[in-house]
Amino acid sequence: MRSIRLSGLIVDAKRMKPIKSAKIVSSDGSVIGYSNENGYFNITFDYHSKGAIIFDYEIIKDGYERVFQKERWGDINRNLNNTIFFELSNEISKAEPFSVISINNTSNYTEIDKIFENEVKPEFNFNEKIKEFKKSNNGSIFKFGEHFFLVNDSGRIKLDSDADLISIDENEIVKAADLDSKIKRK
């Protein structure tokens, strides 16, 4: 038997504010936890099967779309303590929901909130800026602060500078700063 502890925050995907009283429901339909007024939750359950750790659960809150989460972890022979952040989509705003797992060994609210503020939220804001960039033009070079990124519809690559050299179909090499004048992102 292995003990699994999941701690984290449940927030509104648009406003990034805590969601109180969201239910965490196991695959058998039983409620295994709730988020508090800070959106924080801390649940522990025993996992009795041998081999890889596989479990499913849902996050449910009236006025928000349900989030169904499937966890497929390796054959880990120890107790686990992971942090997970859920951003739920309000039925009106239709913001894109997502979840982020942070592998660490804390279940302390203050430390989890710090991870959210310093890592998860900035990454979310960065991703929102990239989405805006993709909608507003068909360029491939995105500048965020002092950093440059080569962006396509499936991902991004951080560049050292806008002077980095990029090969176009192995036929032409151009500086990143000149790439958008040569090609367009579809």
Protein backbone atom coordinates (compact mmCIF):
# COMPACT_ATOMS: atom_id res chain seq x y z
CA MET A 1 0.00 0.00 0.00
CA ARG A 2 1.14 3.53 -0.85
CA SER A 3 -0.23 6.76 0.56
CA ILE A 4 -0.88 9.58 -1.91
CA ARG A 5 -1.28 13.17 -0.82
CA LEU A 6 -2.49 15.81 -3.26
CA SER A 7 -2.44 19.42 -2.15
CA GLY A 8 -2.99 22.52 -4.19
CA LEU A 9 -5.19 25.37 -5.27
CA ILE A 10 -8.38 25.61 -7.31
CA VAL A 11 -8.83 28.99 -8.98
CA ASP A 12 -10.95 30.71 -11.62
CA ALA A 13 -9.15 30.38 -14.98
CA LYS A 14 -10.01 33.92 -16.08
CA ARG A 15 -9.53 35.93 -12.87
CA MET A 16 -6.97 33.62 -11.18
CA LYS A 17 -8.91 34.02 -7.90
CA PRO A 18 -9.61 31.18 -5.40
CA ILE A 19 -12.70 29.01 -5.78
CA LYS A 20 -14.23 28.04 -2.46
CA SER A 21 -16.05 24.74 -1.87
CA ALA A 22 -15.05 23.00 -5.10
CA LYS A 23 -15.59 19.24 -4.67
CA ILE A 24 -12.89 16.70 -5.42
CA VAL A 25 -14.66 13.48 -6.40
CA SER A 26 -13.02 10.08 -6.91
CA SER A 27 -13.80 7.83 -9.88
CA ASP A 28 -16.28 5.86 -7.74
CA GLY A 29 -18.28 9.07 -7.13
CA SER A 30 -17.30 9.61 -3.51
CA VAL A 31 -16.28 13.10 -2.36
CA ILE A 32 -12.67 12.96 -1.17
CA GLY A 33 -12.20 16.65 -0.42
CA TYR A 34 -13.18 20.30 -0.83
CA SER A 35 -11.31 23.51 -1.46
CA ASN A 36 -11.39 26.09 1.36
CA GLU A 37 -11.92 29.88 1.13
CA ASN A 38 -8.39 30.22 -0.29
CA GLY A 39 -9.04 27.61 -2.97
CA TYR A 40 -6.66 25.31 -1.06
CA PHE A 41 -7.22 21.58 -0.75
CA ASN A 42 -5.25 18.79 0.91
CA ILE A 43 -6.39 15.20 0.40
CA THR A 44 -4.77 11.89 1.26
CA PHE A 45 -5.80 8.43 0.15
CA ASP A 46 -4.32 4.96 0.11
CA TYR A 47 -3.46 3.23 -3.13
CA HIS A 48 -3.63 -0.55 -2.78
CA SER A 49 -2.82 -1.83 -6.30
CA LYS A 50 0.68 -2.99 -7.26
CA GLY A 51 2.53 -1.54 -10.23
CA ALA A 52 1.96 1.83 -11.83
CA ILE A 53 -0.19 4.31 -9.93
CA ILE A 54 -3.36 5.02 -11.92
CA PHE A 55 -6.31 7.01 -10.61
CA ASP A 56 -9.00 9.40 -11.85
CA TYR A 57 -10.89 12.21 -10.15
CA GLU A 58 -13.04 15.25 -10.95
CA ILE A 59 -13.15 18.81 -9.73
CA ILE A 60 -16.77 20.01 -9.52
CA LYS A 61 -18.13 23.45 -8.67
CA ASP A 62 -21.53 24.93 -9.59
CA GLY A 63 -21.16 27.58 -12.28
CA TYR A 64 -17.92 26.05 -13.60
CA GLU A 65 -17.15 23.37 -16.13
CA ARG A 66 -16.11 20.07 -14.55
CA VAL A 67 -12.47 19.07 -14.81
CA PHE A 68 -11.77 15.37 -15.19
CA GLN A 69 -8.19 14.48 -14.25
CA LYS A 70 -6.47 11.19 -15.11
CA GLU A 71 -3.23 10.47 -13.28
CA ARG A 72 -0.86 7.86 -14.70
CA TRP A 73 2.29 7.67 -12.61
CA GLY A 74 5.06 5.10 -12.68
CA ASP A 75 5.57 2.15 -10.37
CA ILE A 76 6.78 4.26 -7.47
CA ASN A 77 7.37 2.28 -4.29
CA ARG A 78 7.00 5.08 -1.77
CA ASN A 79 4.39 7.45 -0.44
CA LEU A 80 3.79 10.46 -2.68
CA ASN A 81 3.16 14.11 -1.91
CA ASN A 82 2.44 16.28 -4.97
CA THR A 83 1.01 19.73 -5.54
CA ILE A 84 -1.52 20.35 -8.29
CA PHE A 85 -3.11 23.59 -9.43
CA PHE A 86 -6.51 23.62 -11.15
CA GLU A 87 -7.86 26.56 -13.10
CA LEU A 88 -11.59 26.10 -13.72
CA SER A 89 -13.54 27.73 -16.52
CA ASN A 90 -16.55 29.75 -15.50
CA GLU A 91 -19.53 28.86 -17.69
CA ILE A 92 -19.87 32.53 -18.67
CA SER A 93 -16.25 33.51 -19.34
CA LYS A 94 -15.33 30.28 -21.14
CA ALA A 95 -11.65 30.76 -20.25
CA GLU A 96 -9.57 27.71 -21.04
CA PRO A 97 -9.21 25.45 -17.97
CA PHE A 98 -5.93 23.73 -17.21
CA SER A 99 -4.00 21.97 -14.48
CA VAL A 100 -0.34 22.07 -13.49
CA ILE A 101 1.49 19.54 -11.32
CA SER A 102 4.42 20.74 -9.26
CA ILE A 103 6.59 17.90 -8.00
CA ASN A 104 7.63 18.87 -4.51
CA ASN A 105 7.26 17.69 -0.96
CA THR A 106 4.97 20.28 0.57
CA SER A 107 1.35 20.38 1.59
CA ASN A 108 1.70 23.71 3.40
CA TYR A 109 -0.74 26.35 2.11
CA THR A 110 1.75 29.24 2.38
CA GLU A 111 4.38 27.38 0.35
CA ILE A 112 1.80 26.25 -2.23
CA ASP A 113 0.48 29.80 -2.59
CA LYS A 114 4.06 31.01 -3.11
CA ILE A 115 4.58 28.43 -5.91
CA PHE A 116 1.32 29.60 -7.48
CA GLU A 117 2.24 33.29 -7.34
CA ASN A 118 5.89 32.86 -8.42
CA GLU A 119 5.66 30.02 -10.96
CA VAL A 120 2.15 29.05 -12.07
CA LYS A 121 0.59 32.51 -12.42
CA PRO A 122 3.51 34.02 -14.38
CA GLU A 123 3.53 31.00 -16.71
CA PHE A 124 -0.23 31.37 -17.18
CA ASN A 125 0.16 35.10 -17.97
CA PHE A 126 3.00 34.33 -20.39
CA ASN A 127 0.87 31.73 -22.20
CA GLU A 128 -2.00 34.23 -22.44
CA LYS A 129 0.36 36.75 -24.07
CA ILE A 130 1.46 34.12 -26.60
CA LYS A 131 -2.21 33.32 -27.39
CA GLU A 132 -2.87 37.04 -27.98
CA PHE A 133 0.23 37.21 -30.22
CA LYS A 134 -0.94 34.24 -32.28
CA LYS A 135 -4.42 35.71 -32.73
CA SER A 136 -3.23 39.19 -33.64
CA ASN A 137 -0.70 38.30 -36.35
CA ASN A 138 0.95 35.49 -38.25
CA GLY A 139 4.52 36.22 -37.16
CA SER A 140 6.91 33.68 -35.71
CA ILE A 141 9.10 35.81 -33.43
CA PHE A 142 7.53 36.84 -30.12
CA LYS A 143 9.23 39.27 -27.74
CA PHE A 144 8.30 39.06 -24.08
CA GLY A 145 10.19 41.46 -21.86
CA GLU A 146 13.81 41.16 -22.94
CA HIS A 147 13.40 37.61 -24.27
CA PHE A 148 12.68 36.35 -27.78
CA PHE A 149 10.77 33.19 -28.69
CA LEU A 150 10.27 31.29 -31.92
CA VAL A 151 6.54 30.45 -31.87
CA ASN A 152 4.44 28.05 -33.89
CA ASP A 153 0.95 26.64 -33.35
CA SER A 154 2.19 23.78 -31.17
CA GLY A 155 4.90 25.35 -29.02
CA ARG A 156 7.76 27.76 -28.55
CA ILE A 157 11.55 27.84 -28.35
CA LYS A 158 13.34 30.46 -26.28
CA LEU A 159 16.08 32.20 -28.25
CA ASP A 160 19.23 33.76 -26.84
CA SER A 161 18.61 36.95 -28.81
CA ASP A 162 17.03 38.32 -31.97
CA ALA A 163 20.44 37.82 -33.61
CA ASP A 164 20.16 33.99 -33.33
CA LEU A 165 20.42 32.28 -36.70
CA ILE A 166 17.46 30.22 -37.92
CA SER A 167 17.45 27.85 -40.87
CA ILE A 168 14.45 27.98 -43.20
CA ASP A 169 13.87 24.58 -44.83
CA GLU A 170 17.66 24.02 -44.79
CA ASN A 171 17.84 26.43 -47.76
CA GLU A 172 18.38 29.80 -46.11
CA ILE A 173 19.76 31.03 -42.80
CA VAL A 174 18.42 34.29 -41.37
CA LYS A 175 18.63 36.21 -38.13
CA ALA A 176 15.60 35.75 -35.87
CA ALA A 177 14.85 39.47 -36.21
CA ASP A 178 14.46 38.99 -40.00
CA LEU A 179 12.44 35.77 -39.92
CA ASP A 180 8.98 37.35 -40.05
CA SER A 181 9.89 39.13 -43.29
CA LYS A 182 10.73 35.75 -44.85
CA ILE A 183 7.97 33.44 -43.60
CA LYS A 184 4.51 33.64 -42.06
CA ARG A 185 3.05 31.37 -39.41
CA LYS A 186 -0.11 29.72 -40.76
